N, C-alpha and C. Protein backbone atom coordinates (compact mmCIF):
# COMPACT_ATOMS: atom_id res chain seq x y z
N UNK A 1 50.86 108.98 144.14
CA UNK A 1 50.65 107.71 142.78
C UNK A 1 49.91 106.62 142.43
N UNK A 2 49.25 106.03 142.35
CA UNK A 2 47.93 105.68 142.43
C UNK A 2 48.87 104.06 142.11
N UNK A 3 48.76 103.30 142.98
CA UNK A 3 49.14 101.78 142.69
C UNK A 3 48.42 100.75 142.88
N UNK A 4 47.36 100.88 142.65
CA UNK A 4 46.27 99.72 142.40
C UNK A 4 45.81 99.07 141.22
N UNK A 5 45.49 98.03 142.13
CA UNK A 5 45.83 96.81 140.82
C UNK A 5 44.58 96.91 139.23
N UNK A 6 44.29 97.89 139.83
CA UNK A 6 43.30 98.59 138.77
C UNK A 6 43.77 99.53 137.87
N UNK A 7 44.60 99.78 138.19
CA UNK A 7 45.30 101.04 137.29
C UNK A 7 46.69 99.97 136.84
N UNK A 8 46.60 99.71 135.37
CA UNK A 8 47.06 99.22 134.78
C UNK A 8 47.93 100.20 133.37
N UNK A 9 47.65 101.29 133.51
CA UNK A 9 47.83 101.88 131.82
C UNK A 9 49.15 101.72 131.58
N UNK A 10 49.75 102.11 132.80
CA UNK A 10 51.43 102.64 132.22
C UNK A 10 52.39 100.43 132.25
N UNK A 11 52.16 100.25 132.90
CA UNK A 11 52.32 98.66 132.48
C UNK A 11 52.48 98.29 131.99
N UNK A 12 51.37 98.41 130.73
CA UNK A 12 50.49 97.94 129.36
C UNK A 12 51.30 98.32 128.86
N UNK A 13 51.52 99.84 128.99
CA UNK A 13 51.87 100.41 127.51
C UNK A 13 53.29 100.25 127.99
N UNK A 14 53.91 99.81 128.58
CA UNK A 14 55.76 99.33 128.69
C UNK A 14 55.84 97.83 128.31
N UNK A 15 54.66 97.35 128.35
CA UNK A 15 54.78 95.43 127.92
C UNK A 15 54.55 95.86 125.97
N UNK A 16 53.61 96.70 125.89
CA UNK A 16 53.15 96.49 124.39
C UNK A 16 55.32 97.18 123.62
N UNK A 17 55.69 97.74 124.32
CA UNK A 17 57.10 98.83 124.08
C UNK A 17 57.88 98.09 124.04
N UNK A 18 58.08 97.09 125.02
CA UNK A 18 58.77 95.97 125.54
C UNK A 18 58.57 94.70 123.98
N UNK A 19 57.33 94.33 124.26
CA UNK A 19 57.36 93.69 122.59
C UNK A 19 57.30 93.69 121.15
N UNK A 20 57.25 95.17 121.35
CA UNK A 20 57.20 96.42 119.74
C UNK A 20 59.18 95.64 119.39
N UNK A 21 59.54 96.20 120.36
CA UNK A 21 61.13 96.55 120.54
C UNK A 21 61.95 94.52 120.40
N UNK A 22 60.83 94.19 120.88
CA UNK A 22 61.53 92.82 120.68
C UNK A 22 60.98 91.84 119.76
N UNK A 23 60.19 92.65 119.08
CA UNK A 23 60.12 92.08 117.61
C UNK A 23 60.69 92.89 116.48
N UNK A 24 60.94 93.84 116.68
CA UNK A 24 61.99 94.08 116.38
C UNK A 24 63.68 93.88 115.66
N UNK A 25 63.72 93.59 117.36
CA UNK A 25 65.51 93.07 117.41
C UNK A 25 65.82 92.02 116.55
N UNK A 26 64.00 90.84 117.07
CA UNK A 26 63.92 89.74 116.56
C UNK A 26 64.47 89.36 114.56
N UNK A 27 63.21 90.63 114.72
CA UNK A 27 62.95 90.55 112.40
C UNK A 27 64.36 91.11 112.41
N UNK A 28 65.48 91.78 112.91
CA UNK A 28 66.50 92.45 112.59
C UNK A 28 67.34 91.94 111.99
N UNK A 29 67.29 90.55 113.19
CA UNK A 29 68.15 89.53 113.25
C UNK A 29 68.19 88.19 111.98
N UNK A 30 67.01 88.41 111.80
CA UNK A 30 66.50 87.08 110.85
C UNK A 30 66.41 87.73 109.46
N UNK A 31 66.48 89.05 109.23
CA UNK A 31 66.49 90.07 108.19
C UNK A 31 68.23 89.99 107.60
N UNK A 32 68.64 90.18 108.53
CA UNK A 32 70.17 90.52 108.50
C UNK A 32 70.26 88.81 108.15
N UNK A 33 70.01 87.34 108.61
CA UNK A 33 71.03 86.19 107.99
C UNK A 33 70.07 85.66 107.21
N UNK A 34 68.88 86.18 107.15
CA UNK A 34 68.32 85.33 105.80
C UNK A 34 67.21 86.28 104.65
N UNK A 35 67.76 87.91 105.21
CA UNK A 35 67.39 88.46 103.90
C UNK A 35 65.31 88.27 104.11
N UNK A 36 65.08 89.48 103.52
CA UNK A 36 63.40 89.64 103.13
C UNK A 36 62.69 88.07 102.91
N UNK A 37 63.27 87.45 101.32
CA UNK A 37 62.23 86.85 101.12
C UNK A 37 62.80 85.59 102.47
N UNK A 38 63.97 85.55 102.69
CA UNK A 38 64.40 83.72 103.40
C UNK A 38 63.99 84.17 105.16
N UNK A 39 63.15 85.08 105.58
CA UNK A 39 63.08 85.38 106.85
C UNK A 39 61.50 85.03 107.11
N UNK A 40 60.93 84.06 108.04
CA UNK A 40 59.42 83.97 108.27
C UNK A 40 59.05 85.02 109.47
N UNK A 41 57.85 85.17 108.79
CA UNK A 41 57.42 85.68 110.04
C UNK A 41 57.03 85.36 111.56
N UNK A 42 56.95 83.26 111.19
CA UNK A 42 57.25 82.60 112.38
C UNK A 42 58.19 82.52 113.22
N UNK A 43 59.19 82.82 111.94
CA UNK A 43 60.33 82.68 113.13
C UNK A 43 61.26 84.06 113.70
N UNK A 44 60.46 85.52 112.86
CA UNK A 44 60.56 86.36 113.95
C UNK A 44 59.77 86.25 115.25
N UNK A 45 58.86 85.81 114.97
CA UNK A 45 57.44 85.85 115.91
C UNK A 45 58.31 85.29 117.46
N UNK A 46 58.74 83.78 116.96
CA UNK A 46 59.31 82.84 118.22
C UNK A 46 61.12 83.92 118.41
N UNK A 47 61.26 84.14 117.60
CA UNK A 47 62.87 85.12 118.24
C UNK A 47 62.37 85.81 119.09
N UNK A 48 60.88 86.79 119.00
CA UNK A 48 60.49 87.43 119.83
C UNK A 48 59.79 86.87 120.63
N UNK A 49 59.43 85.22 120.89
CA UNK A 49 58.82 84.93 122.17
C UNK A 49 57.22 85.94 121.85
N UNK A 50 56.46 85.83 120.48
CA UNK A 50 55.51 86.19 120.35
C UNK A 50 54.63 84.83 119.54
N UNK A 51 53.25 85.43 118.42
CA UNK A 51 52.73 85.02 117.77
C UNK A 51 53.12 85.56 116.69
N UNK A 52 52.99 85.04 115.69
CA UNK A 52 52.93 85.41 114.22
C UNK A 52 51.87 86.75 114.12
N UNK A 53 50.70 86.23 114.74
CA UNK A 53 49.48 87.42 114.56
C UNK A 53 50.12 88.08 115.22
N UNK A 54 50.74 88.17 116.40
CA UNK A 54 50.66 89.31 117.60
C UNK A 54 51.77 90.05 116.31
N UNK A 55 52.44 89.68 115.56
CA UNK A 55 53.80 90.39 114.60
C UNK A 55 52.63 91.31 113.55
N UNK A 56 51.66 90.33 113.10
CA UNK A 56 50.91 91.79 112.34
C UNK A 56 49.78 91.74 113.32
N UNK A 57 50.22 92.15 113.93
CA UNK A 57 49.32 92.78 114.85
C UNK A 57 49.54 94.35 115.39
N UNK A 58 51.19 94.22 115.46
CA UNK A 58 52.29 95.32 115.87
C UNK A 58 52.37 96.62 114.59
N UNK A 59 52.42 95.41 113.60
CA UNK A 59 53.48 95.49 112.24
C UNK A 59 52.42 95.76 110.78
N UNK A 60 51.28 95.39 110.88
CA UNK A 60 50.11 95.39 110.13
C UNK A 60 50.48 93.81 108.67
N UNK A 61 51.79 93.81 108.15
CA UNK A 61 52.30 93.17 107.69
C UNK A 61 54.09 92.94 107.41
N UNK A 62 54.46 91.70 107.07
CA UNK A 62 55.62 91.68 106.92
C UNK A 62 56.45 92.84 106.13
N UNK A 63 56.00 93.27 104.93
CA UNK A 63 56.80 94.72 104.43
C UNK A 63 56.56 95.50 105.40
N UNK A 64 55.59 95.93 106.08
CA UNK A 64 55.60 97.32 107.02
C UNK A 64 56.76 96.87 108.18
N UNK A 65 56.93 95.63 108.54
CA UNK A 65 58.08 95.16 109.30
C UNK A 65 59.58 95.42 109.54
N UNK A 66 59.04 94.63 107.51
CA UNK A 66 61.19 94.67 107.22
C UNK A 66 61.18 96.74 106.95
N UNK A 67 60.23 97.09 106.27
CA UNK A 67 60.28 98.98 106.34
C UNK A 67 61.04 99.48 107.49
N UNK A 68 60.15 99.13 108.98
CA UNK A 68 60.69 99.77 109.99
C UNK A 68 62.40 99.06 110.99
N UNK A 69 62.15 98.22 110.36
CA UNK A 69 63.89 97.61 110.39
C UNK A 69 64.69 98.33 109.80
N UNK A 70 64.50 98.39 108.68
CA UNK A 70 65.35 99.10 107.29
C UNK A 70 65.59 100.67 108.07
N UNK A 71 64.38 101.47 108.14
CA UNK A 71 64.68 102.44 108.80
C UNK A 71 65.38 102.93 110.11
N UNK A 72 65.14 101.62 110.81
CA UNK A 72 65.68 101.60 112.13
C UNK A 72 67.39 101.55 112.11
N UNK A 73 67.60 100.69 110.58
CA UNK A 73 69.38 100.75 110.47
C UNK A 73 70.11 101.48 110.00
N UNK A 74 69.08 102.51 109.13
CA UNK A 74 69.87 103.33 108.48
C UNK A 74 69.54 104.57 109.38
N UNK A 75 69.21 104.52 110.45
CA UNK A 75 69.13 106.05 111.29
C UNK A 75 70.80 105.65 112.80
N UNK A 76 70.95 104.13 112.48
CA UNK A 76 71.45 103.98 113.78
C UNK A 76 73.22 103.37 113.16
N UNK A 77 74.11 103.76 113.97
CA UNK A 77 75.22 103.01 113.22
C UNK A 77 75.80 103.07 112.19
N UNK A 78 74.91 104.13 111.44
CA UNK A 78 75.93 104.51 110.31
C UNK A 78 76.61 105.26 109.68
N UNK A 79 78.04 104.88 108.62
CA UNK A 79 78.73 105.36 108.32
C UNK A 79 78.39 106.63 108.28
N UNK A 80 77.09 106.47 106.87
CA UNK A 80 76.92 108.20 106.30
C UNK A 80 76.14 109.01 107.31
N UNK A 81 75.61 108.57 108.14
CA UNK A 81 74.52 109.04 109.41
C UNK A 81 75.40 109.93 110.49
N UNK A 82 76.43 109.54 110.38
CA UNK A 82 77.23 110.03 112.24
C UNK A 82 78.01 111.42 111.31
N UNK A 83 77.47 112.28 110.48
CA UNK A 83 77.71 113.13 109.69
C UNK A 83 79.52 113.79 109.51
N UNK A 84 79.89 112.28 109.18
CA UNK A 84 81.27 112.31 108.33
C UNK A 84 81.41 113.22 107.08
N UNK A 85 80.56 113.26 106.80
CA UNK A 85 80.63 114.11 105.42
C UNK A 85 80.49 115.75 105.90
N UNK A 86 80.59 116.59 107.15
CA UNK A 86 80.81 117.69 107.78
C UNK A 86 82.14 117.40 108.59
N UNK A 87 83.10 116.66 107.80
CA UNK A 87 84.63 116.84 109.00
C UNK A 87 85.43 117.71 107.74
N UNK A 88 86.45 118.24 108.68
CA UNK A 88 87.20 118.78 107.44
C UNK A 88 87.84 118.87 105.88
N UNK A 89 88.18 117.27 106.06
CA UNK A 89 88.79 115.93 105.11
C UNK A 89 87.69 114.97 105.32
N UNK A 90 86.81 115.02 104.37
CA UNK A 90 85.38 114.42 104.76
C UNK A 90 86.02 112.88 103.62
N UNK A 91 86.38 113.22 102.49
CA UNK A 91 87.38 112.09 101.93
C UNK A 91 88.06 110.97 102.94
N UNK A 92 89.21 111.76 103.54
CA UNK A 92 90.06 110.93 103.96
C UNK A 92 88.99 110.37 105.71
N UNK A 93 88.93 111.01 106.08
CA UNK A 93 87.79 110.42 107.40
C UNK A 93 86.69 109.57 106.64
N UNK A 94 85.89 109.75 105.87
CA UNK A 94 85.23 108.17 105.25
C UNK A 94 86.12 107.40 105.18
N UNK A 95 86.66 107.22 104.36
CA UNK A 95 87.99 106.46 103.95
C UNK A 95 88.38 105.48 104.86
N UNK A 96 88.94 105.76 106.13
CA UNK A 96 89.06 105.99 107.31
C UNK A 96 88.64 104.82 107.91
N UNK A 97 87.51 105.53 107.74
CA UNK A 97 85.82 105.17 108.71
C UNK A 97 85.86 103.57 108.03
N UNK A 98 85.65 104.03 106.94
CA UNK A 98 84.82 102.80 105.84
C UNK A 98 86.06 101.45 106.05
N UNK A 99 87.24 101.59 106.00
CA UNK A 99 88.28 100.77 106.63
C UNK A 99 88.54 100.39 107.91
N UNK A 100 88.34 100.54 108.69
CA UNK A 100 87.70 100.58 109.91
C UNK A 100 87.16 99.35 110.39
N UNK A 101 85.82 99.60 110.03
CA UNK A 101 84.17 99.57 109.81
C UNK A 101 84.47 97.92 109.24
N UNK A 102 85.40 97.84 108.29
CA UNK A 102 85.33 96.27 107.25
C UNK A 102 86.58 95.44 107.57
N UNK A 103 87.18 95.40 108.64
CA UNK A 103 88.20 94.70 109.26
C UNK A 103 87.37 93.21 109.74
N UNK A 104 87.74 92.15 109.61
CA UNK A 104 87.22 90.90 109.23
C UNK A 104 86.96 91.12 110.84
N UNK A 105 87.26 91.24 111.79
CA UNK A 105 87.10 91.11 113.29
C UNK A 105 86.09 91.66 113.04
N UNK A 106 84.97 92.52 112.49
CA UNK A 106 84.19 94.03 113.19
C UNK A 106 83.34 92.77 111.90
N UNK A 107 81.90 92.75 113.07
CA UNK A 107 80.84 91.85 112.18
C UNK A 107 79.85 93.39 111.50
N UNK A 108 79.58 92.84 110.00
CA UNK A 108 79.35 93.42 109.53
C UNK A 108 77.93 94.76 109.69
N UNK A 109 77.68 95.77 109.33
CA UNK A 109 76.62 96.65 109.86
C UNK A 109 75.45 95.89 109.89
N UNK A 110 74.17 95.92 110.90
CA UNK A 110 73.17 95.04 110.30
C UNK A 110 72.16 95.74 108.81
N UNK A 111 72.07 97.15 108.67
CA UNK A 111 71.09 97.42 107.64
C UNK A 111 72.32 97.30 106.33
N UNK A 112 73.74 97.02 106.42
CA UNK A 112 74.43 96.67 104.65
C UNK A 112 74.21 95.43 104.85
N UNK A 113 73.81 94.38 106.35
CA UNK A 113 73.46 92.99 105.62
C UNK A 113 71.60 92.51 105.18
N UNK A 114 71.17 93.67 105.83
CA UNK A 114 69.91 93.50 105.20
C UNK A 114 68.64 93.11 103.99
N UNK A 115 70.10 94.57 103.46
CA UNK A 115 69.97 95.24 102.25
C UNK A 115 71.07 94.45 101.16
N UNK A 116 71.47 93.83 101.73
CA UNK A 116 72.50 92.98 100.78
C UNK A 116 71.67 91.80 100.69
N UNK A 117 71.22 90.81 101.45
CA UNK A 117 70.16 89.67 101.34
C UNK A 117 69.43 89.71 100.84
N UNK A 118 68.27 91.14 100.46
CA UNK A 118 67.37 91.29 100.61
C UNK A 118 66.91 91.97 98.77
N UNK A 119 68.01 91.79 97.94
CA UNK A 119 68.22 92.73 96.76
C UNK A 119 67.56 91.83 95.78
N UNK A 120 67.16 90.69 95.89
CA UNK A 120 66.96 89.93 94.98
C UNK A 120 65.25 89.88 94.87
N UNK A 121 64.21 90.74 96.16
CA UNK A 121 63.26 90.59 96.58
C UNK A 121 62.53 92.06 96.11
N UNK A 122 61.65 91.88 94.53
CA UNK A 122 61.63 93.01 94.26
C UNK A 122 60.66 93.94 95.17
N UNK A 123 59.64 93.61 96.38
CA UNK A 123 59.51 94.09 97.61
C UNK A 123 60.35 94.94 97.97
N UNK A 124 61.67 94.21 98.77
CA UNK A 124 62.45 94.83 99.97
C UNK A 124 63.14 95.86 99.02
N UNK A 125 63.33 95.43 97.60
CA UNK A 125 64.83 96.20 97.27
C UNK A 125 63.74 98.17 96.57
N UNK A 126 62.97 98.13 96.57
CA UNK A 126 61.96 99.30 97.12
C UNK A 126 62.01 100.18 97.49
N UNK A 127 61.79 99.23 99.36
CA UNK A 127 61.34 99.93 100.60
C UNK A 127 63.21 100.07 100.85
N UNK A 128 64.75 99.42 100.63
CA UNK A 128 65.56 99.53 100.37
C UNK A 128 66.08 100.81 99.88
N UNK A 129 65.88 100.89 98.43
CA UNK A 129 65.93 102.00 97.89
C UNK A 129 65.51 103.30 97.55
N UNK A 130 64.03 103.22 98.59
CA UNK A 130 63.21 104.40 99.37
C UNK A 130 64.13 104.67 100.69
N UNK A 131 64.30 103.83 101.82
CA UNK A 131 64.96 104.38 102.66
C UNK A 131 66.32 104.61 102.46
N UNK A 132 67.07 104.54 101.12
CA UNK A 132 68.71 104.78 100.81
C UNK A 132 68.75 105.97 100.69
N UNK A 133 67.71 105.91 99.42
CA UNK A 133 67.66 108.04 98.81
C UNK A 133 67.24 108.60 100.04
N UNK A 134 66.42 108.01 101.19
CA UNK A 134 65.73 109.20 102.45
C UNK A 134 66.99 108.97 102.90
N UNK A 135 67.73 108.60 103.73
CA UNK A 135 68.95 108.43 104.59
C UNK A 135 70.42 108.91 104.43
N UNK A 136 70.17 108.49 103.47
CA UNK A 136 72.06 107.98 103.03
C UNK A 136 72.24 109.33 101.41
N UNK A 137 71.73 109.19 101.05
CA UNK A 137 71.64 109.74 99.27
C UNK A 137 71.10 111.17 99.42
N UNK A 138 70.20 111.44 99.67
CA UNK A 138 69.85 112.91 100.54
C UNK A 138 70.87 113.43 101.11
N UNK A 139 71.86 112.73 102.11
CA UNK A 139 72.60 113.38 102.95
C UNK A 139 73.77 113.53 102.48
N UNK A 140 74.21 113.00 101.53
CA UNK A 140 75.72 112.87 101.09
C UNK A 140 74.96 114.56 99.98
N UNK A 141 73.86 113.66 98.97
CA UNK A 141 74.18 115.25 97.78
C UNK A 141 74.22 116.50 98.74
N UNK A 142 73.64 116.51 99.58
CA UNK A 142 73.93 118.34 100.32
C UNK A 142 74.51 118.59 100.40
N UNK A 143 75.83 117.66 101.31
CA UNK A 143 77.40 117.84 101.34
C UNK A 143 77.67 118.79 100.25
N UNK A 144 77.44 117.79 98.80
CA UNK A 144 78.22 118.39 97.53
C UNK A 144 77.86 119.35 96.92
N UNK A 145 78.82 119.60 96.15
CA UNK A 145 78.66 121.26 95.81
C UNK A 145 78.78 121.52 93.91
N UNK A 146 78.55 122.56 93.42
CA UNK A 146 78.59 122.02 92.26
C UNK A 146 78.46 121.38 91.29
N UNK A 147 77.92 120.21 90.03
CA UNK A 147 77.53 119.58 89.08
C UNK A 147 77.28 118.48 89.65
N UNK A 148 76.36 117.59 88.97
CA UNK A 148 75.77 116.21 89.78
C UNK A 148 76.06 115.73 90.61
N UNK A 149 75.25 116.01 91.75
CA UNK A 149 75.97 116.20 93.14
C UNK A 149 75.10 114.59 93.47
N UNK A 150 73.92 114.51 93.26
CA UNK A 150 73.16 112.97 93.34
C UNK A 150 73.85 112.12 92.39
N UNK A 151 74.84 112.15 91.55
CA UNK A 151 75.24 111.20 90.38
C UNK A 151 76.73 110.90 91.68
N UNK A 152 77.22 112.21 92.08
CA UNK A 152 78.33 111.82 92.38
C UNK A 152 78.17 111.09 93.96
N UNK A 153 77.29 112.15 94.74
CA UNK A 153 77.11 110.97 95.69
C UNK A 153 76.73 109.58 95.88
N UNK A 154 76.02 109.41 94.37
CA UNK A 154 74.96 108.09 94.63
C UNK A 154 76.40 107.50 93.91
N UNK A 155 77.82 107.84 93.60
CA UNK A 155 79.10 106.56 93.15
C UNK A 155 79.84 106.86 94.73
N UNK A 156 79.86 107.68 95.35
CA UNK A 156 80.32 107.96 97.28
C UNK A 156 79.86 106.45 97.41
N UNK A 157 77.67 106.20 97.32
CA UNK A 157 77.17 105.09 98.16
C UNK A 157 77.56 103.87 97.22
N UNK A 158 78.38 103.66 96.38
CA UNK A 158 78.52 102.75 95.38
C UNK A 158 79.26 101.89 96.23
N UNK A 159 80.32 103.35 96.09
CA UNK A 159 82.11 102.44 96.52
C UNK A 159 82.07 102.06 98.01
N UNK A 160 81.31 102.49 98.98
CA UNK A 160 81.24 101.75 99.64
C UNK A 160 80.91 100.99 99.58
N UNK A 161 79.82 100.47 99.93
CA UNK A 161 78.92 99.03 99.70
C UNK A 161 79.86 97.92 98.94
N UNK A 162 80.76 98.65 97.86
CA UNK A 162 81.26 97.52 97.25
C UNK A 162 82.41 97.31 97.85
N UNK A 163 82.87 98.47 98.48
CA UNK A 163 84.32 97.84 99.05
C UNK A 163 84.10 96.60 100.62
N UNK A 164 82.01 96.81 100.99
CA UNK A 164 81.94 96.57 102.06
C UNK A 164 82.09 94.94 101.44
N UNK A 165 81.37 94.83 100.45
CA UNK A 165 81.44 93.77 100.04
C UNK A 165 82.35 93.10 100.03
N UNK A 166 83.96 93.44 98.32
CA UNK A 166 84.78 92.26 98.69
C UNK A 166 85.32 92.29 99.67
N UNK A 167 85.98 93.54 100.57
CA UNK A 167 87.04 93.89 101.57
C UNK A 167 85.99 92.57 102.46
N UNK A 168 84.95 92.42 103.39
CA UNK A 168 84.18 92.07 104.54
C UNK A 168 83.24 91.14 104.05
N UNK A 169 82.40 91.00 102.80
CA UNK A 169 82.29 89.59 102.76
C UNK A 169 82.36 88.44 101.80
N UNK A 170 83.46 89.11 100.97
CA UNK A 170 83.46 87.85 99.52
C UNK A 170 85.47 87.59 100.00
N UNK A 171 86.13 89.34 101.57
CA UNK A 171 87.53 89.08 101.42
C UNK A 171 88.52 88.20 100.37
N UNK A 172 88.39 89.85 99.67
CA UNK A 172 89.52 89.75 97.82
C UNK A 172 90.98 90.15 98.74
N UNK A 173 91.46 89.28 98.62
CA UNK A 173 93.11 89.29 99.50
C UNK A 173 93.74 90.60 99.01
N UNK A 174 93.61 91.13 97.74
CA UNK A 174 94.61 92.76 97.93
C UNK A 174 93.33 93.81 98.32
N UNK A 175 92.77 93.77 99.28
CA UNK A 175 92.06 93.86 100.21
C UNK A 175 92.10 93.90 101.65
N UNK A 176 91.18 92.28 102.10
CA UNK A 176 91.81 91.65 103.18
C UNK A 176 92.69 92.09 103.84
N UNK A 177 94.05 91.94 102.98
CA UNK A 177 95.31 91.70 103.56
C UNK A 177 96.41 93.02 103.27
N UNK A 178 95.40 93.99 102.39
CA UNK A 178 96.42 94.85 102.07
C UNK A 178 96.69 95.84 103.98
N UNK A 179 97.62 96.32 103.53
CA UNK A 179 97.87 97.75 104.83
C UNK A 179 97.13 98.87 105.26
N UNK A 180 96.33 99.00 106.09
CA UNK A 180 95.09 99.79 106.31
C UNK A 180 95.24 101.21 105.52
N UNK A 181 96.59 101.85 105.95
CA UNK A 181 97.37 102.83 105.86
C UNK A 181 97.01 102.91 104.25
N UNK A 182 97.33 102.25 103.68
CA UNK A 182 97.25 101.96 102.48
C UNK A 182 95.84 102.69 102.05
N UNK A 183 95.73 101.19 102.30
CA UNK A 183 93.84 101.85 101.46
C UNK A 183 93.10 102.63 101.97
N UNK A 184 93.17 103.30 102.93
CA UNK A 184 92.79 104.79 103.62
C UNK A 184 93.32 106.12 102.29
N UNK A 185 94.51 105.31 101.80
CA UNK A 185 95.09 106.31 101.30
C UNK A 185 94.44 106.55 99.87
N UNK A 186 94.65 105.01 99.45
CA UNK A 186 94.06 104.88 98.20
C UNK A 186 92.04 104.96 98.00
N UNK A 187 91.42 104.64 98.69
CA UNK A 187 89.75 105.45 99.29
C UNK A 187 89.66 106.64 99.08
N UNK A 188 90.53 107.45 100.04
CA UNK A 188 90.56 108.93 100.09
C UNK A 188 90.73 109.28 98.32
N UNK A 189 91.91 109.37 97.61
CA UNK A 189 91.54 109.84 96.61
C UNK A 189 90.68 109.87 96.10
N UNK A 190 89.78 108.36 96.19
CA UNK A 190 88.96 108.30 95.24
C UNK A 190 87.68 109.01 95.90
N UNK A 191 87.57 109.04 97.04
CA UNK A 191 86.10 110.23 97.97
C UNK A 191 86.76 111.34 97.84
N UNK A 192 87.61 111.76 97.76
CA UNK A 192 88.30 113.18 97.25
C UNK A 192 88.14 113.74 95.56
N UNK A 193 88.07 112.96 95.15
CA UNK A 193 87.86 113.07 93.42
C UNK A 193 86.11 113.07 93.35
N UNK A 194 85.09 112.51 93.84
CA UNK A 194 84.01 112.24 93.68
C UNK A 194 83.59 114.08 95.15
N UNK A 195 83.97 114.08 95.78
CA UNK A 195 83.91 115.38 96.60
C UNK A 195 83.86 116.51 96.20
N UNK A 196 85.29 116.72 95.34
CA UNK A 196 85.40 117.83 95.10
C UNK A 196 84.73 118.30 93.81
N UNK A 197 83.60 119.28 94.09
CA UNK A 197 83.35 120.29 92.88
C UNK A 197 83.04 120.07 91.19
N UNK A 198 82.65 119.52 91.20
CA UNK A 198 82.36 118.71 89.42
C UNK A 198 82.33 120.41 88.22
């Protein structure tokens, strides 16, 4: 192994990877907290310990950075990405996981917050729509049988998002204070209805 001072290819690559990851982590935090329009490149750069010029060098634009962050959040730690639709009782499994992930003491999923806080931006909404379609809508649609699969899959996603907003973000008392077993039972019925072949 060559460890001479002139051999810097490996460390340089590691530094580039570490810098890129630091920018993504900072951007994820900024977009989660402030949405697409509210998060600035300078803020993201400062959080990563780099300059705004460096962020542009790595990602080209704020829009491309946002797309990569959303892509990352859609594939990591997602309720749908975990293969839950392959469960023998997918409606119950989905309901149980959704109730657990929306408890008051659980931090909302970054991807959900990013999408929610960025929905008013046309550019961000376009990116969010494309990523949700690619990662969640197609996954759920493929798991369904019968007619109107895409519509039923979209309704499943709408129930998930609406439940997250009402229980976790707004803390609507009938949902926030409900017995979890009751919520699972009620949600499972809704999901079963949408999952059953139409």
